[in-house]
Amino acid sequence: MSELKRIVKAAETFLKIEGATNVIVIATDDDDVSVTTPKDSHVAANLIMFALDDSSELTKEIVKNFLMMGGHLS
């Protein structure tokens, strides 16, 4: 397991210990990206859209369409 993945997992564990019921953690370094998401895809999608609340309408629409298509990059 990469160092970045261990850090992301530790952050998720800490947030859950502190009372968070659903957590998304996204981190990147020069070589890798690591993400943790809730098992429930609807909860994950709602958290992602909430995180984009201050983003432009275009960004929200792009992400919403991406999520609705199953999150597969073309």
N, C-alpha and C. Protein backbone atom coordinates (compact mmCIF):
# COMPACT_ATOMS: atom_id res chain seq x y z
N MET A 1 0.86 -1.17 0.00
CA MET A 1 0.00 0.00 0.00
C MET A 1 0.90 1.24 0.00
N SER A 2 0.59 2.18 -0.88
CA SER A 2 1.41 3.39 -0.97
C SER A 2 1.24 4.28 0.27
N GLU A 3 2.20 5.12 0.48
CA GLU A 3 2.15 6.06 1.61
C GLU A 3 0.92 6.96 1.50
N LEU A 4 0.64 7.43 0.30
CA LEU A 4 -0.51 8.30 0.10
C LEU A 4 -1.81 7.58 0.46
N LYS A 5 -1.93 6.33 0.04
CA LYS A 5 -3.13 5.55 0.35
C LYS A 5 -3.28 5.35 1.85
N ARG A 6 -2.18 5.11 2.55
CA ARG A 6 -2.23 4.96 4.02
C ARG A 6 -2.68 6.26 4.68
N ILE A 7 -2.20 7.39 4.18
CA ILE A 7 -2.57 8.69 4.74
C ILE A 7 -4.06 8.96 4.54
N VAL A 8 -4.56 8.67 3.34
CA VAL A 8 -5.98 8.88 3.04
C VAL A 8 -6.84 7.98 3.91
N LYS A 9 -6.46 6.73 4.07
CA LYS A 9 -7.20 5.80 4.92
C LYS A 9 -7.20 6.27 6.38
N ALA A 10 -6.05 6.79 6.84
CA ALA A 10 -5.96 7.30 8.21
C ALA A 10 -6.87 8.52 8.39
N ALA A 11 -6.94 9.38 7.39
CA ALA A 11 -7.82 10.55 7.46
C ALA A 11 -9.28 10.12 7.54
N GLU A 12 -9.65 9.12 6.72
CA GLU A 12 -11.02 8.61 6.75
C GLU A 12 -11.34 8.02 8.13
N THR A 13 -10.43 7.23 8.66
CA THR A 13 -10.63 6.62 9.98
C THR A 13 -10.78 7.69 11.06
N PHE A 14 -9.93 8.71 11.03
CA PHE A 14 -10.00 9.79 12.01
C PHE A 14 -11.35 10.50 11.95
N LEU A 15 -11.80 10.83 10.75
CA LEU A 15 -13.07 11.54 10.60
C LEU A 15 -14.24 10.70 11.11
N LYS A 16 -14.19 9.40 10.88
CA LYS A 16 -15.25 8.53 11.37
C LYS A 16 -15.21 8.41 12.89
N ILE A 17 -14.02 8.36 13.45
CA ILE A 17 -13.89 8.34 14.92
C ILE A 17 -14.47 9.61 15.52
N GLU A 18 -14.29 10.73 14.81
CA GLU A 18 -14.79 12.01 15.28
C GLU A 18 -16.30 12.20 15.04
N GLY A 19 -16.95 11.20 14.42
CA GLY A 19 -18.39 11.24 14.29
C GLY A 19 -18.94 11.36 12.88
N ALA A 20 -18.09 11.49 11.89
CA ALA A 20 -18.58 11.56 10.51
C ALA A 20 -19.16 10.21 10.12
N THR A 21 -20.33 10.23 9.51
CA THR A 21 -20.94 8.97 9.10
C THR A 21 -20.58 8.60 7.67
N ASN A 22 -20.34 9.60 6.83
CA ASN A 22 -19.95 9.36 5.44
C ASN A 22 -18.78 10.29 5.12
N VAL A 23 -17.77 9.73 4.47
CA VAL A 23 -16.53 10.48 4.24
C VAL A 23 -16.04 10.27 2.81
N ILE A 24 -15.62 11.36 2.18
CA ILE A 24 -14.87 11.29 0.94
C ILE A 24 -13.55 12.00 1.20
N VAL A 25 -12.46 11.31 0.95
CA VAL A 25 -11.13 11.90 1.09
C VAL A 25 -10.43 11.74 -0.26
N ILE A 26 -9.91 12.83 -0.78
CA ILE A 26 -9.19 12.82 -2.05
C ILE A 26 -7.85 13.49 -1.82
N ALA A 27 -6.78 12.80 -2.22
CA ALA A 27 -5.44 13.37 -2.07
C ALA A 27 -4.59 12.98 -3.27
N THR A 28 -3.63 13.82 -3.59
CA THR A 28 -2.73 13.54 -4.69
C THR A 28 -1.32 13.98 -4.33
N ASP A 29 -0.36 13.31 -4.92
CA ASP A 29 1.02 13.77 -4.84
C ASP A 29 1.55 13.78 -6.28
N ASP A 30 2.84 13.86 -6.46
CA ASP A 30 3.39 13.95 -7.81
C ASP A 30 3.15 12.69 -8.64
N ASP A 31 2.92 11.55 -7.99
CA ASP A 31 2.85 10.28 -8.71
C ASP A 31 1.52 9.56 -8.64
N ASP A 32 0.66 9.91 -7.70
CA ASP A 32 -0.50 9.07 -7.43
C ASP A 32 -1.69 9.90 -6.96
N VAL A 33 -2.87 9.32 -7.06
CA VAL A 33 -4.10 9.88 -6.50
C VAL A 33 -4.73 8.78 -5.66
N SER A 34 -5.23 9.15 -4.49
CA SER A 34 -5.90 8.18 -3.63
C SER A 34 -7.23 8.77 -3.17
N VAL A 35 -8.26 7.92 -3.17
CA VAL A 35 -9.61 8.37 -2.84
C VAL A 35 -10.30 7.31 -1.98
N THR A 36 -11.04 7.77 -0.98
CA THR A 36 -11.96 6.89 -0.27
C THR A 36 -13.36 7.47 -0.44
N THR A 37 -14.34 6.62 -0.61
CA THR A 37 -15.73 7.05 -0.77
C THR A 37 -16.64 6.14 0.02
N PRO A 38 -17.84 6.62 0.33
CA PRO A 38 -18.82 5.76 0.98
C PRO A 38 -19.21 4.60 0.05
N LYS A 39 -19.62 3.50 0.63
CA LYS A 39 -20.05 2.34 -0.18
C LYS A 39 -21.33 2.65 -0.97
N ASP A 40 -22.19 3.48 -0.42
CA ASP A 40 -23.44 3.85 -1.08
C ASP A 40 -23.15 4.91 -2.15
N SER A 41 -23.34 4.56 -3.41
CA SER A 41 -22.99 5.46 -4.50
C SER A 41 -23.84 6.73 -4.51
N HIS A 42 -25.08 6.66 -4.04
CA HIS A 42 -25.92 7.85 -3.99
C HIS A 42 -25.39 8.84 -2.96
N VAL A 43 -24.95 8.32 -1.83
CA VAL A 43 -24.36 9.19 -0.79
C VAL A 43 -23.09 9.82 -1.33
N ALA A 44 -22.25 9.05 -1.98
CA ALA A 44 -21.01 9.58 -2.54
C ALA A 44 -21.30 10.68 -3.55
N ALA A 45 -22.26 10.45 -4.44
CA ALA A 45 -22.61 11.45 -5.45
C ALA A 45 -23.13 12.73 -4.80
N ASN A 46 -23.97 12.59 -3.78
CA ASN A 46 -24.49 13.77 -3.07
C ASN A 46 -23.37 14.54 -2.39
N LEU A 47 -22.42 13.84 -1.77
CA LEU A 47 -21.30 14.52 -1.13
C LEU A 47 -20.44 15.27 -2.16
N ILE A 48 -20.22 14.64 -3.31
CA ILE A 48 -19.43 15.29 -4.36
C ILE A 48 -20.14 16.55 -4.84
N MET A 49 -21.44 16.47 -5.10
CA MET A 49 -22.18 17.64 -5.56
C MET A 49 -22.19 18.74 -4.49
N PHE A 50 -22.32 18.36 -3.24
CA PHE A 50 -22.29 19.35 -2.16
C PHE A 50 -20.93 20.05 -2.10
N ALA A 51 -19.87 19.28 -2.32
CA ALA A 51 -18.52 19.87 -2.30
C ALA A 51 -18.34 20.88 -3.43
N LEU A 52 -19.10 20.74 -4.49
CA LEU A 52 -19.01 21.65 -5.63
C LEU A 52 -19.95 22.85 -5.51
N ASP A 53 -20.56 23.03 -4.36
CA ASP A 53 -21.57 24.07 -4.18
C ASP A 53 -21.10 25.45 -4.63
N ASP A 54 -19.85 25.80 -4.39
CA ASP A 54 -19.33 27.12 -4.77
C ASP A 54 -18.72 27.14 -6.16
N SER A 55 -18.80 26.03 -6.88
CA SER A 55 -18.24 25.95 -8.23
C SER A 55 -19.22 26.56 -9.24
N SER A 56 -18.72 26.77 -10.43
CA SER A 56 -19.57 27.33 -11.49
C SER A 56 -20.66 26.33 -11.86
N GLU A 57 -21.73 26.84 -12.44
CA GLU A 57 -22.82 25.97 -12.89
C GLU A 57 -22.33 24.99 -13.95
N LEU A 58 -21.40 25.42 -14.80
CA LEU A 58 -20.86 24.54 -15.83
C LEU A 58 -20.12 23.36 -15.20
N THR A 59 -19.29 23.64 -14.18
CA THR A 59 -18.57 22.56 -13.49
C THR A 59 -19.55 21.59 -12.85
N LYS A 60 -20.57 22.11 -12.19
CA LYS A 60 -21.56 21.23 -11.56
C LYS A 60 -22.27 20.38 -12.61
N GLU A 61 -22.61 20.96 -13.74
CA GLU A 61 -23.30 20.22 -14.79
C GLU A 61 -22.41 19.12 -15.37
N ILE A 62 -21.14 19.43 -15.57
CA ILE A 62 -20.20 18.42 -16.09
C ILE A 62 -20.08 17.26 -15.12
N VAL A 63 -19.89 17.55 -13.84
CA VAL A 63 -19.74 16.49 -12.82
C VAL A 63 -21.04 15.70 -12.69
N LYS A 64 -22.17 16.39 -12.69
CA LYS A 64 -23.47 15.71 -12.58
C LYS A 64 -23.65 14.74 -13.75
N ASN A 65 -23.36 15.18 -14.96
CA ASN A 65 -23.47 14.29 -16.14
C ASN A 65 -22.51 13.12 -16.03
N PHE A 66 -21.30 13.38 -15.55
CA PHE A 66 -20.30 12.33 -15.37
C PHE A 66 -20.81 11.27 -14.39
N LEU A 67 -21.36 11.73 -13.27
CA LEU A 67 -21.87 10.80 -12.27
C LEU A 67 -23.08 10.03 -12.80
N MET A 68 -23.95 10.70 -13.55
CA MET A 68 -25.13 10.04 -14.09
C MET A 68 -24.77 8.97 -15.13
N MET A 69 -23.64 9.15 -15.79
CA MET A 69 -23.19 8.17 -16.78
C MET A 69 -22.38 7.05 -16.15
N GLY A 70 -22.36 6.99 -14.84
CA GLY A 70 -21.68 5.92 -14.14
C GLY A 70 -20.25 6.23 -13.79
N GLY A 71 -19.81 7.45 -14.03
CA GLY A 71 -18.45 7.86 -13.64
C GLY A 71 -17.35 7.29 -14.51
N HIS A 72 -17.68 6.97 -15.76
CA HIS A 72 -16.67 6.40 -16.65
C HIS A 72 -16.10 7.46 -17.57
N LEU A 73 -14.80 7.61 -17.56
CA LEU A 73 -14.16 8.55 -18.47
C LEU A 73 -14.16 7.99 -19.88
N SER A 74 -14.36 8.87 -20.85
CA SER A 74 -14.35 8.39 -22.24
C SER A 74 -12.98 8.60 -22.85
